[in-house]
Amino acid sequence: MKKRVLFLCTSNSARSQMAEALVNHDLGDHFEAYSAGTAPKTPHPAALKVLAEIGIDHSRARSKSLEEYEGQPFDYVITLCDGANETCPLFFGGVERVHLGFEDPIRVIGTEDEILTAFRRVRDQIRETVENYLQSRTPASLTDN
């Protein structure tokens, strides 16, 4: 059975969207990822663009409120921004809750190239950090290819 992971950020527009897409793409055999925000906004076009650059089509994504997942069981709840970490409600039933903070690429001001560079950097950091975290909690027999 796949482990269920919920990624939380304030707006569910960049970091949590990228984490959801990356985990479903890279680790989808063992994990089922979802994302939500405490104050959701529309997915950021740059987040979708940098995912597409690495072959992940997340263009049908929509931002979701945490309330959409109320009462659903998750194995892991991972906050990716300080705001969500501070306002995240308690989860019961053996849920492992962790904070893995990343800079907010939406706050970068500059040219389109500078903004995309920031999104790529955060995408790659999320991919490495989150996937290493999840794989470290999975029996080796499940992650061996």
N, C-alpha and C. Protein backbone atom coordinates (compact mmCIF):
# COMPACT_ATOMS: atom_id res chain seq x y z
N MET A 1 0.84 -1.17 0.00
CA MET A 1 0.00 0.00 0.00
C MET A 1 0.90 1.25 0.00
N LYS A 2 0.53 2.21 -0.80
CA LYS A 2 1.30 3.44 -0.88
C LYS A 2 1.13 4.27 0.38
N LYS A 3 2.20 4.93 0.78
CA LYS A 3 2.15 5.88 1.89
C LYS A 3 1.59 7.19 1.36
N ARG A 4 0.73 7.82 2.15
CA ARG A 4 0.11 9.09 1.75
C ARG A 4 0.85 10.26 2.40
N VAL A 5 1.21 11.25 1.57
CA VAL A 5 1.97 12.41 2.02
C VAL A 5 1.18 13.67 1.69
N LEU A 6 1.06 14.57 2.66
CA LEU A 6 0.43 15.86 2.44
C LEU A 6 1.47 16.94 2.64
N PHE A 7 1.69 17.76 1.59
CA PHE A 7 2.61 18.89 1.67
C PHE A 7 1.80 20.16 1.92
N LEU A 8 2.25 20.95 2.88
CA LEU A 8 1.53 22.18 3.23
C LEU A 8 2.43 23.40 3.09
N CYS A 9 1.86 24.43 2.50
CA CYS A 9 2.45 25.77 2.44
C CYS A 9 1.31 26.75 2.64
N THR A 10 1.65 27.99 2.77
CA THR A 10 0.60 28.98 2.98
C THR A 10 -0.32 29.08 1.77
N SER A 11 0.26 29.32 0.58
CA SER A 11 -0.59 29.59 -0.59
C SER A 11 -0.79 28.41 -1.52
N ASN A 12 -0.07 27.31 -1.31
CA ASN A 12 -0.18 26.14 -2.18
C ASN A 12 -0.04 26.55 -3.65
N SER A 13 0.92 27.42 -3.92
CA SER A 13 1.11 27.90 -5.29
C SER A 13 2.46 27.56 -5.88
N ALA A 14 3.45 27.23 -5.05
CA ALA A 14 4.79 26.97 -5.60
C ALA A 14 5.43 25.75 -4.93
N ARG A 15 5.96 25.92 -3.72
CA ARG A 15 6.72 24.85 -3.08
C ARG A 15 5.92 23.57 -2.88
N SER A 16 4.74 23.66 -2.33
CA SER A 16 3.95 22.46 -2.08
C SER A 16 3.46 21.84 -3.39
N GLN A 17 3.16 22.66 -4.39
CA GLN A 17 2.78 22.13 -5.71
C GLN A 17 3.94 21.35 -6.32
N MET A 18 5.16 21.94 -6.23
CA MET A 18 6.32 21.26 -6.80
C MET A 18 6.61 19.96 -6.04
N ALA A 19 6.50 19.98 -4.72
CA ALA A 19 6.75 18.77 -3.93
C ALA A 19 5.76 17.67 -4.30
N GLU A 20 4.49 18.02 -4.41
CA GLU A 20 3.46 17.04 -4.79
C GLU A 20 3.81 16.41 -6.14
N ALA A 21 4.10 17.24 -7.12
CA ALA A 21 4.38 16.75 -8.47
C ALA A 21 5.65 15.91 -8.51
N LEU A 22 6.69 16.36 -7.83
CA LEU A 22 7.96 15.63 -7.83
C LEU A 22 7.82 14.25 -7.19
N VAL A 23 7.18 14.19 -6.05
CA VAL A 23 7.04 12.90 -5.36
C VAL A 23 6.16 11.95 -6.17
N ASN A 24 5.06 12.45 -6.70
CA ASN A 24 4.20 11.58 -7.52
C ASN A 24 4.93 11.08 -8.76
N HIS A 25 5.77 11.92 -9.33
CA HIS A 25 6.53 11.54 -10.53
C HIS A 25 7.67 10.58 -10.19
N ASP A 26 8.47 10.93 -9.19
CA ASP A 26 9.69 10.18 -8.90
C ASP A 26 9.48 8.98 -7.98
N LEU A 27 8.56 9.09 -7.06
CA LEU A 27 8.37 8.04 -6.05
C LEU A 27 6.95 7.48 -6.04
N GLY A 28 6.25 7.66 -7.14
CA GLY A 28 4.83 7.28 -7.21
C GLY A 28 4.54 5.81 -7.01
N ASP A 29 5.55 4.96 -7.11
CA ASP A 29 5.32 3.54 -6.85
C ASP A 29 5.07 3.26 -5.37
N HIS A 30 5.57 4.15 -4.51
CA HIS A 30 5.49 3.91 -3.07
C HIS A 30 4.80 5.01 -2.28
N PHE A 31 4.62 6.17 -2.90
CA PHE A 31 4.02 7.31 -2.21
C PHE A 31 2.94 7.94 -3.08
N GLU A 32 1.92 8.46 -2.42
CA GLU A 32 0.85 9.21 -3.07
C GLU A 32 0.85 10.59 -2.42
N ALA A 33 1.25 11.60 -3.20
CA ALA A 33 1.41 12.94 -2.63
C ALA A 33 0.24 13.86 -2.97
N TYR A 34 -0.05 14.73 -2.01
CA TYR A 34 -1.09 15.75 -2.13
C TYR A 34 -0.51 17.05 -1.61
N SER A 35 -1.15 18.15 -1.94
CA SER A 35 -0.70 19.43 -1.41
C SER A 35 -1.90 20.30 -1.09
N ALA A 36 -1.67 21.23 -0.15
CA ALA A 36 -2.73 22.15 0.25
C ALA A 36 -2.09 23.39 0.86
N GLY A 37 -2.92 24.42 1.03
CA GLY A 37 -2.46 25.66 1.63
C GLY A 37 -3.37 26.11 2.74
N THR A 38 -2.79 26.87 3.64
CA THR A 38 -3.60 27.45 4.71
C THR A 38 -4.37 28.66 4.20
N ALA A 39 -3.89 29.28 3.10
CA ALA A 39 -4.56 30.40 2.43
C ALA A 39 -4.27 30.27 0.94
N PRO A 40 -4.91 29.29 0.27
CA PRO A 40 -4.53 28.94 -1.11
C PRO A 40 -4.75 30.05 -2.13
N LYS A 41 -3.81 30.08 -3.10
CA LYS A 41 -3.88 30.96 -4.26
C LYS A 41 -3.65 30.11 -5.50
N THR A 42 -3.72 30.70 -6.65
CA THR A 42 -3.52 29.98 -7.92
C THR A 42 -2.08 29.48 -8.04
N PRO A 43 -1.87 28.28 -8.61
CA PRO A 43 -0.50 27.81 -8.84
C PRO A 43 0.30 28.83 -9.65
N HIS A 44 1.53 29.06 -9.24
CA HIS A 44 2.38 30.05 -9.89
C HIS A 44 2.86 29.50 -11.24
N PRO A 45 2.75 30.29 -12.31
CA PRO A 45 3.18 29.81 -13.63
C PRO A 45 4.64 29.37 -13.68
N ALA A 46 5.51 30.03 -12.93
CA ALA A 46 6.92 29.64 -12.93
C ALA A 46 7.13 28.26 -12.31
N ALA A 47 6.34 27.92 -11.30
CA ALA A 47 6.44 26.59 -10.70
C ALA A 47 6.05 25.53 -11.73
N LEU A 48 4.99 25.79 -12.47
CA LEU A 48 4.56 24.84 -13.49
C LEU A 48 5.59 24.75 -14.62
N LYS A 49 6.19 25.87 -14.96
CA LYS A 49 7.18 25.90 -16.04
C LYS A 49 8.44 25.11 -15.67
N VAL A 50 8.95 25.29 -14.45
CA VAL A 50 10.18 24.57 -14.09
C VAL A 50 9.92 23.08 -13.88
N LEU A 51 8.70 22.70 -13.58
CA LEU A 51 8.36 21.28 -13.55
C LEU A 51 8.33 20.73 -14.97
N ALA A 52 7.73 21.47 -15.89
CA ALA A 52 7.67 21.03 -17.29
C ALA A 52 9.07 20.88 -17.89
N GLU A 53 10.00 21.71 -17.45
CA GLU A 53 11.37 21.63 -17.96
C GLU A 53 12.02 20.28 -17.66
N ILE A 54 11.58 19.62 -16.62
CA ILE A 54 12.14 18.31 -16.28
C ILE A 54 11.17 17.17 -16.60
N GLY A 55 10.20 17.47 -17.46
CA GLY A 55 9.30 16.44 -17.96
C GLY A 55 8.11 16.11 -17.10
N ILE A 56 7.73 17.01 -16.19
CA ILE A 56 6.58 16.77 -15.32
C ILE A 56 5.47 17.75 -15.70
N ASP A 57 4.37 17.22 -16.21
CA ASP A 57 3.23 18.05 -16.58
C ASP A 57 2.30 18.17 -15.36
N HIS A 58 2.31 19.33 -14.77
CA HIS A 58 1.47 19.60 -13.60
C HIS A 58 0.49 20.73 -13.93
N SER A 59 0.24 20.89 -15.24
CA SER A 59 -0.54 22.03 -15.72
C SER A 59 -2.01 22.00 -15.28
N ARG A 60 -2.49 20.85 -14.87
CA ARG A 60 -3.89 20.77 -14.42
C ARG A 60 -4.02 20.98 -12.92
N ALA A 61 -2.92 21.35 -12.30
CA ALA A 61 -2.93 21.55 -10.85
C ALA A 61 -3.85 22.70 -10.47
N ARG A 62 -4.38 22.59 -9.28
CA ARG A 62 -5.14 23.68 -8.70
C ARG A 62 -4.75 23.76 -7.24
N SER A 63 -4.81 24.95 -6.70
CA SER A 63 -4.51 25.13 -5.29
C SER A 63 -5.70 24.64 -4.47
N LYS A 64 -5.36 23.98 -3.38
CA LYS A 64 -6.39 23.39 -2.53
C LYS A 64 -6.23 23.88 -1.10
N SER A 65 -7.35 23.99 -0.44
CA SER A 65 -7.36 24.39 0.96
C SER A 65 -7.14 23.15 1.83
N LEU A 66 -6.53 23.35 2.96
CA LEU A 66 -6.31 22.27 3.92
C LEU A 66 -7.63 21.59 4.29
N GLU A 67 -8.71 22.34 4.30
CA GLU A 67 -10.02 21.79 4.68
C GLU A 67 -10.46 20.67 3.72
N GLU A 68 -9.98 20.68 2.47
CA GLU A 68 -10.35 19.62 1.53
C GLU A 68 -9.91 18.24 2.01
N TYR A 69 -8.90 18.20 2.86
CA TYR A 69 -8.36 16.92 3.31
C TYR A 69 -8.74 16.58 4.74
N GLU A 70 -9.63 17.37 5.31
CA GLU A 70 -10.07 17.15 6.68
C GLU A 70 -10.62 15.74 6.84
N GLY A 71 -10.12 15.05 7.84
CA GLY A 71 -10.58 13.69 8.13
C GLY A 71 -9.91 12.61 7.32
N GLN A 72 -9.07 12.96 6.35
CA GLN A 72 -8.39 11.95 5.55
C GLN A 72 -7.11 11.50 6.24
N PRO A 73 -6.77 10.23 6.12
CA PRO A 73 -5.55 9.74 6.78
C PRO A 73 -4.31 10.02 5.93
N PHE A 74 -3.24 10.43 6.60
CA PHE A 74 -1.95 10.63 5.95
C PHE A 74 -0.87 9.99 6.82
N ASP A 75 0.14 9.46 6.15
CA ASP A 75 1.27 8.89 6.87
C ASP A 75 2.26 9.99 7.26
N TYR A 76 2.38 10.99 6.38
CA TYR A 76 3.30 12.10 6.59
C TYR A 76 2.60 13.42 6.26
N VAL A 77 2.80 14.41 7.10
CA VAL A 77 2.39 15.78 6.82
C VAL A 77 3.66 16.60 6.89
N ILE A 78 4.02 17.23 5.76
CA ILE A 78 5.27 17.95 5.66
C ILE A 78 5.00 19.41 5.33
N THR A 79 5.38 20.29 6.24
CA THR A 79 5.26 21.72 5.97
C THR A 79 6.54 22.19 5.29
N LEU A 80 6.38 23.08 4.32
CA LEU A 80 7.50 23.54 3.51
C LEU A 80 7.78 25.02 3.69
N CYS A 81 6.97 25.71 4.47
CA CYS A 81 7.21 27.13 4.74
C CYS A 81 6.93 27.39 6.21
N ASP A 82 7.57 28.42 6.73
CA ASP A 82 7.44 28.74 8.15
C ASP A 82 6.00 29.08 8.53
N GLY A 83 5.29 29.78 7.65
CA GLY A 83 3.91 30.16 7.95
C GLY A 83 3.02 28.95 8.16
N ALA A 84 3.11 27.98 7.27
CA ALA A 84 2.30 26.76 7.41
C ALA A 84 2.74 25.97 8.63
N ASN A 85 4.03 25.97 8.91
CA ASN A 85 4.53 25.25 10.07
C ASN A 85 3.94 25.83 11.36
N GLU A 86 3.82 27.15 11.41
CA GLU A 86 3.29 27.80 12.61
C GLU A 86 1.79 27.65 12.76
N THR A 87 1.06 27.57 11.64
CA THR A 87 -0.40 27.51 11.71
C THR A 87 -0.97 26.12 11.45
N CYS A 88 -0.10 25.15 11.23
CA CYS A 88 -0.57 23.80 10.91
C CYS A 88 -1.32 23.21 12.09
N PRO A 89 -2.49 22.66 11.83
CA PRO A 89 -3.25 22.05 12.91
C PRO A 89 -2.62 20.71 13.32
N LEU A 90 -3.08 20.19 14.42
CA LEU A 90 -2.61 18.88 14.86
C LEU A 90 -3.24 17.80 14.00
N PHE A 91 -2.47 16.76 13.74
CA PHE A 91 -2.98 15.59 13.03
C PHE A 91 -2.84 14.41 13.97
N PHE A 92 -3.86 13.57 14.00
CA PHE A 92 -3.87 12.43 14.91
C PHE A 92 -3.78 11.13 14.11
N GLY A 93 -3.52 10.03 14.81
CA GLY A 93 -3.54 8.73 14.17
C GLY A 93 -2.20 8.29 13.62
N GLY A 94 -1.12 8.58 14.31
CA GLY A 94 0.18 8.08 13.89
C GLY A 94 0.84 8.83 12.77
N VAL A 95 0.34 10.00 12.46
CA VAL A 95 0.92 10.82 11.39
C VAL A 95 2.29 11.33 11.82
N GLU A 96 3.25 11.20 10.92
CA GLU A 96 4.56 11.79 11.17
C GLU A 96 4.55 13.19 10.56
N ARG A 97 4.73 14.18 11.42
CA ARG A 97 4.71 15.57 10.96
C ARG A 97 6.10 16.15 11.07
N VAL A 98 6.55 16.78 9.97
CA VAL A 98 7.89 17.34 9.94
C VAL A 98 7.87 18.66 9.17
N HIS A 99 8.80 19.53 9.53
CA HIS A 99 8.97 20.78 8.80
C HIS A 99 10.28 20.73 8.02
N LEU A 100 10.19 20.89 6.72
CA LEU A 100 11.35 20.98 5.84
C LEU A 100 11.21 22.32 5.10
N GLY A 101 11.80 23.35 5.64
CA GLY A 101 11.61 24.70 5.10
C GLY A 101 12.49 25.01 3.90
N PHE A 102 11.91 25.73 2.95
CA PHE A 102 12.59 26.18 1.74
C PHE A 102 12.26 27.65 1.51
N GLU A 103 13.19 28.37 0.89
CA GLU A 103 12.93 29.77 0.58
C GLU A 103 11.73 29.86 -0.37
N ASP A 104 11.06 30.98 -0.34
CA ASP A 104 9.90 31.20 -1.20
C ASP A 104 10.36 31.84 -2.50
N PRO A 105 10.35 31.08 -3.62
CA PRO A 105 10.82 31.65 -4.89
C PRO A 105 9.91 32.76 -5.41
N ILE A 106 8.69 32.81 -4.94
CA ILE A 106 7.75 33.85 -5.37
C ILE A 106 8.23 35.23 -4.91
N ARG A 107 9.00 35.28 -3.85
CA ARG A 107 9.47 36.56 -3.30
C ARG A 107 10.66 37.13 -4.08
N VAL A 108 11.23 36.36 -4.99
CA VAL A 108 12.38 36.84 -5.76
C VAL A 108 11.92 37.92 -6.74
N ILE A 109 12.63 39.02 -6.73
CA ILE A 109 12.35 40.12 -7.65
C ILE A 109 13.51 40.20 -8.62
N GLY A 110 13.19 40.27 -9.90
CA GLY A 110 14.25 40.36 -10.91
C GLY A 110 13.69 40.09 -12.28
N THR A 111 14.59 39.77 -13.17
CA THR A 111 14.19 39.45 -14.54
C THR A 111 13.50 38.09 -14.55
N GLU A 112 12.89 37.78 -15.67
CA GLU A 112 12.25 36.46 -15.80
C GLU A 112 13.28 35.35 -15.60
N ASP A 113 14.47 35.52 -16.14
CA ASP A 113 15.52 34.51 -15.98
C ASP A 113 15.93 34.36 -14.51
N GLU A 114 16.04 35.47 -13.79
CA GLU A 114 16.41 35.41 -12.37
C GLU A 114 15.31 34.72 -11.55
N ILE A 115 14.08 35.00 -11.89
CA ILE A 115 12.95 34.37 -11.19
C ILE A 115 12.92 32.87 -11.48
N LEU A 116 13.08 32.50 -12.75
CA LEU A 116 13.09 31.08 -13.09
C LEU A 116 14.27 30.36 -12.45
N THR A 117 15.41 31.03 -12.36
CA THR A 117 16.58 30.43 -11.69
C THR A 117 16.25 30.13 -10.23
N ALA A 118 15.55 31.03 -9.56
CA ALA A 118 15.15 30.82 -8.17
C ALA A 118 14.19 29.64 -8.06
N PHE A 119 13.23 29.56 -8.95
CA PHE A 119 12.28 28.44 -8.94
C PHE A 119 13.00 27.12 -9.20
N ARG A 120 13.94 27.11 -10.13
CA ARG A 120 14.70 25.88 -10.41
C ARG A 120 15.50 25.45 -9.19
N ARG A 121 16.12 26.40 -8.53
CA ARG A 121 16.93 26.09 -7.35
C ARG A 121 16.05 25.47 -6.26
N VAL A 122 14.90 26.07 -6.00
CA VAL A 122 14.00 25.54 -4.98
C VAL A 122 13.44 24.19 -5.41
N ARG A 123 13.09 24.04 -6.67
CA ARG A 123 12.60 22.75 -7.18
C ARG A 123 13.63 21.66 -6.91
N ASP A 124 14.88 21.94 -7.24
CA ASP A 124 15.94 20.94 -7.07
C ASP A 124 16.20 20.65 -5.60
N GLN A 125 16.13 21.67 -4.75
CA GLN A 125 16.31 21.46 -3.31
C GLN A 125 15.18 20.61 -2.75
N ILE A 126 13.95 20.90 -3.17
CA ILE A 126 12.81 20.11 -2.72
C ILE A 126 12.97 18.67 -3.17
N ARG A 127 13.33 18.48 -4.41
CA ARG A 127 13.48 17.13 -4.95
C ARG A 127 14.49 16.34 -4.11
N GLU A 128 15.62 16.91 -3.85
CA GLU A 128 16.66 16.21 -3.10
C GLU A 128 16.27 15.99 -1.64
N THR A 129 15.86 17.04 -0.96
CA THR A 129 15.59 16.96 0.48
C THR A 129 14.37 16.11 0.79
N VAL A 130 13.26 16.38 0.12
CA VAL A 130 12.02 15.66 0.40
C VAL A 130 12.15 14.19 0.01
N GLU A 131 12.71 13.92 -1.14
CA GLU A 131 12.82 12.53 -1.57
C GLU A 131 13.78 11.74 -0.68
N ASN A 132 14.88 12.36 -0.26
CA ASN A 132 15.79 11.69 0.68
C ASN A 132 15.09 11.40 2.00
N TYR A 133 14.31 12.37 2.46
CA TYR A 133 13.57 12.18 3.71
C TYR A 133 12.60 11.00 3.59
N LEU A 134 11.80 10.99 2.53
CA LEU A 134 10.81 9.92 2.37
C LEU A 134 11.48 8.57 2.15
N GLN A 135 12.52 8.52 1.35
CA GLN A 135 13.19 7.26 1.09
C GLN A 135 13.86 6.71 2.35
N SER A 136 14.28 7.59 3.24
CA SER A 136 14.91 7.13 4.49
C SER A 136 13.89 6.46 5.42
N ARG A 137 12.61 6.66 5.14
CA ARG A 137 11.56 6.07 5.96
C ARG A 137 10.88 4.91 5.27
N THR A 138 11.43 4.48 4.17
CA THR A 138 10.86 3.39 3.40
C THR A 138 11.79 2.19 3.46
N PRO A 139 11.28 1.00 3.72
CA PRO A 139 12.15 -0.17 3.72
C PRO A 139 12.93 -0.27 2.39
N ALA A 140 14.19 -0.64 2.49
CA ALA A 140 15.06 -0.71 1.30
C ALA A 140 14.46 -1.59 0.21
N SER A 141 13.76 -2.62 0.58
CA SER A 141 13.18 -3.51 -0.43
C SER A 141 12.16 -2.80 -1.31
N LEU A 142 11.55 -1.73 -0.79
CA LEU A 142 10.56 -1.00 -1.58
C LEU A 142 11.19 -0.01 -2.54
N THR A 143 12.37 0.52 -2.20
CA THR A 143 12.96 1.54 -3.04
C THR A 143 14.02 0.99 -3.98
N ASP A 144 14.38 -0.27 -3.84
CA ASP A 144 15.34 -0.88 -4.77
C ASP A 144 14.67 -1.08 -6.11
N ASN A 145 15.35 -0.68 -7.16
CA ASN A 145 14.76 -0.85 -8.50
C ASN A 145 15.33 -2.04 -9.19
